[in-house]
Amino acid sequence: MSNLGFALEGAWKVLLAGLILGAGLPALFAVGIRSMAFGAGGDAEVDHAPPHPIGRLVAYVLFTVVVFVALLGITFIVASGFGKTISFDHIYPTIVDK
């Protein structure tokens, strides 16, 4: 019975990572694209409203988060290939020996 518990414990972690990285990042990117349309105003909207600077700011923040997570994933893969790992002991991620 403990093997089933171990399997379920690992399964929910994989499911959570898949939801965050598999659906979460594309969803953030889509919200960023929608925010750019909101920030552009004019022909990007139905009512031809003036541009909203907050929409552009939100889009840039979301795009920055998506790029940062993608670069962090690439860094993790490359660091693993060199026998290292990523540590979050400080505010920023660092590459340390395993």
C-alpha atoms as a PDB file:
ATOM      1  CA  MET A   1       0.000   0.000   0.000  1.00  0.00           C
ATOM      2  CA  SER A   2       2.920   2.376   0.587  1.00  0.00           C
ATOM      3  CA  ASN A   3       4.005   1.935  -3.043  1.00  0.00           C
ATOM      4  CA  LEU A   4       0.672   3.314  -4.167  1.00  0.00           C
ATOM      5  CA  GLY A   5       1.140   6.282  -1.863  1.00  0.00           C
ATOM      6  CA  PHE A   6       4.592   6.949  -3.324  1.00  0.00           C
ATOM      7  CA  ALA A   7       3.209   6.721  -6.855  1.00  0.00           C
ATOM      8  CA  LEU A   8       0.373   9.131  -6.111  1.00  0.00           C
ATOM      9  CA  GLU A   9       2.747  11.532  -4.372  1.00  0.00           C
ATOM     10  CA  GLY A  10       4.981  11.628  -7.428  1.00  0.00           C
ATOM     11  CA  ALA A  11       2.032  11.817  -9.819  1.00  0.00           C
ATOM     12  CA  TRP A  12       0.570  15.000  -8.333  1.00  0.00           C
ATOM     13  CA  LYS A  13       3.995  16.690  -8.497  1.00  0.00           C
ATOM     14  CA  VAL A  14       4.315  15.808 -12.182  1.00  0.00           C
ATOM     15  CA  LEU A  15       0.746  16.980 -12.813  1.00  0.00           C
ATOM     16  CA  LEU A  16       1.375  20.286 -11.067  1.00  0.00           C
ATOM     17  CA  ALA A  17       4.613  20.913 -12.998  1.00  0.00           C
ATOM     18  CA  GLY A  18       2.860  20.022 -16.248  1.00  0.00           C
ATOM     19  CA  LEU A  19       0.026  22.430 -15.545  1.00  0.00           C
ATOM     20  CA  ILE A  20       2.351  25.279 -14.612  1.00  0.00           C
ATOM     21  CA  LEU A  21       4.878  24.838 -17.397  1.00  0.00           C
ATOM     22  CA  GLY A  22       2.686  23.183 -20.013  1.00  0.00           C
ATOM     23  CA  ALA A  23      -0.383  25.386 -19.731  1.00  0.00           C
ATOM     24  CA  GLY A  24       0.637  28.193 -17.401  1.00  0.00           C
ATOM     25  CA  LEU A  25       3.395  29.789 -19.455  1.00  0.00           C
ATOM     26  CA  PRO A  26       1.421  29.810 -22.719  1.00  0.00           C
ATOM     27  CA  ALA A  27      -1.532  31.254 -20.803  1.00  0.00           C
ATOM     28  CA  LEU A  28       0.681  34.050 -19.422  1.00  0.00           C
ATOM     29  CA  PHE A  29       1.963  34.714 -22.925  1.00  0.00           C
ATOM     30  CA  ALA A  30      -1.610  34.882 -24.239  1.00  0.00           C
ATOM     31  CA  VAL A  31      -2.595  37.348 -21.510  1.00  0.00           C
ATOM     32  CA  GLY A  32       0.472  39.397 -22.460  1.00  0.00           C
ATOM     33  CA  ILE A  33      -0.634  39.478 -26.107  1.00  0.00           C
ATOM     34  CA  ARG A  34      -4.121  40.550 -25.043  1.00  0.00           C
ATOM     35  CA  SER A  35      -2.607  43.260 -22.838  1.00  0.00           C
ATOM     36  CA  MET A  36      -0.601  44.534 -25.817  1.00  0.00           C
ATOM     37  CA  ALA A  37      -3.822  44.872 -27.782  1.00  0.00           C
ATOM     38  CA  PHE A  38      -5.348  46.743 -24.850  1.00  0.00           C
ATOM     39  CA  GLY A  39      -2.252  48.930 -24.663  1.00  0.00           C
ATOM     40  CA  ALA A  40      -2.306  49.690 -28.391  1.00  0.00           C
ATOM     41  CA  GLY A  41      -5.848  51.090 -28.451  1.00  0.00           C
ATOM     42  CA  GLY A  42      -7.120  52.384 -31.791  1.00  0.00           C
ATOM     43  CA  ASP A  43      -7.870  49.613 -34.289  1.00  0.00           C
ATOM     44  CA  ALA A  44      -6.884  46.894 -31.813  1.00  0.00           C
ATOM     45  CA  GLU A  45     -10.168  47.411 -29.962  1.00  0.00           C
ATOM     46  CA  VAL A  46     -13.769  47.606 -31.047  1.00  0.00           C
ATOM     47  CA  ASP A  47     -14.533  51.005 -29.519  1.00  0.00           C
ATOM     48  CA  HIS A  48     -11.364  52.725 -30.904  1.00  0.00           C
ATOM     49  CA  ALA A  49     -10.281  53.904 -27.480  1.00  0.00           C
ATOM     50  CA  PRO A  50      -6.959  55.670 -26.952  1.00  0.00           C
ATOM     51  CA  PRO A  51      -3.941  53.552 -25.968  1.00  0.00           C
ATOM     52  CA  HIS A  52      -3.638  52.446 -22.354  1.00  0.00           C
ATOM     53  CA  PRO A  53      -0.048  52.552 -21.039  1.00  0.00           C
ATOM     54  CA  ILE A  54      -0.893  50.115 -18.236  1.00  0.00           C
ATOM     55  CA  GLY A  55      -1.758  47.437 -20.808  1.00  0.00           C
ATOM     56  CA  ARG A  56       1.659  47.750 -22.388  1.00  0.00           C
ATOM     57  CA  LEU A  57       3.341  47.658 -18.961  1.00  0.00           C
ATOM     58  CA  VAL A  58       1.445  44.500 -17.964  1.00  0.00           C
ATOM     59  CA  ALA A  59       2.394  42.880 -21.269  1.00  0.00           C
ATOM     60  CA  TYR A  60       6.086  43.637 -20.807  1.00  0.00           C
ATOM     61  CA  VAL A  61       6.033  42.263 -17.263  1.00  0.00           C
ATOM     62  CA  LEU A  62       4.332  39.042 -18.407  1.00  0.00           C
ATOM     63  CA  PHE A  63       6.728  38.619 -21.333  1.00  0.00           C
ATOM     64  CA  THR A  64       9.661  39.108 -18.967  1.00  0.00           C
ATOM     65  CA  VAL A  65       8.339  36.397 -16.639  1.00  0.00           C
ATOM     66  CA  VAL A  66       7.870  33.953 -19.531  1.00  0.00           C
ATOM     67  CA  VAL A  67      11.368  34.600 -20.914  1.00  0.00           C
ATOM     68  CA  PHE A  68      12.914  34.313 -17.433  1.00  0.00           C
ATOM     69  CA  VAL A  69      11.260  30.941 -16.778  1.00  0.00           C
ATOM     70  CA  ALA A  70      12.303  29.651 -20.220  1.00  0.00           C
ATOM     71  CA  LEU A  71      15.911  30.747 -19.635  1.00  0.00           C
ATOM     72  CA  LEU A  72      15.848  29.198 -16.165  1.00  0.00           C
ATOM     73  CA  GLY A  73      14.700  25.902 -17.702  1.00  0.00           C
ATOM     74  CA  ILE A  74      17.485  25.981 -20.285  1.00  0.00           C
ATOM     75  CA  THR A  75      19.985  26.809 -17.543  1.00  0.00           C
ATOM     76  CA  PHE A  76      18.750  23.841 -15.507  1.00  0.00           C
ATOM     77  CA  ILE A  77      19.185  21.475 -18.465  1.00  0.00           C
ATOM     78  CA  VAL A  78      22.681  22.759 -19.293  1.00  0.00           C
ATOM     79  CA  ALA A  79      23.777  22.740 -15.637  1.00  0.00           C
ATOM     80  CA  SER A  80      22.590  19.149 -15.255  1.00  0.00           C
ATOM     81  CA  GLY A  81      24.681  18.198 -18.278  1.00  0.00           C
ATOM     82  CA  PHE A  82      27.786  19.587 -16.580  1.00  0.00           C
ATOM     83  CA  GLY A  83      27.043  17.777 -13.299  1.00  0.00           C
ATOM     84  CA  LYS A  84      25.775  20.867 -11.494  1.00  0.00           C
ATOM     85  CA  THR A  85      22.418  22.022 -10.179  1.00  0.00           C
ATOM     86  CA  ILE A  86      20.565  25.278  -9.609  1.00  0.00           C
ATOM     87  CA  SER A  87      20.292  26.537  -6.039  1.00  0.00           C
ATOM     88  CA  PHE A  88      17.716  29.031  -4.809  1.00  0.00           C
ATOM     89  CA  ASP A  89      19.424  29.653  -1.445  1.00  0.00           C
ATOM     90  CA  HIS A  90      19.780  33.335  -2.306  1.00  0.00           C
ATOM     91  CA  ILE A  91      17.248  35.649  -3.916  1.00  0.00           C
ATOM     92  CA  TYR A  92      18.561  34.822  -7.372  1.00  0.00           C
ATOM     93  CA  PRO A  93      19.283  31.338  -8.753  1.00  0.00           C
ATOM     94  CA  THR A  94      22.914  30.203  -8.738  1.00  0.00           C
ATOM     95  CA  ILE A  95      24.646  27.217 -10.306  1.00  0.00           C
ATOM     96  CA  VAL A  96      26.362  25.017  -7.705  1.00  0.00           C
ATOM     97  CA  ASP A  97      28.016  21.585  -7.636  1.00  0.00           C
ATOM     98  CA  LYS A  98      25.778  18.616  -6.896  1.00  0.00           C
END
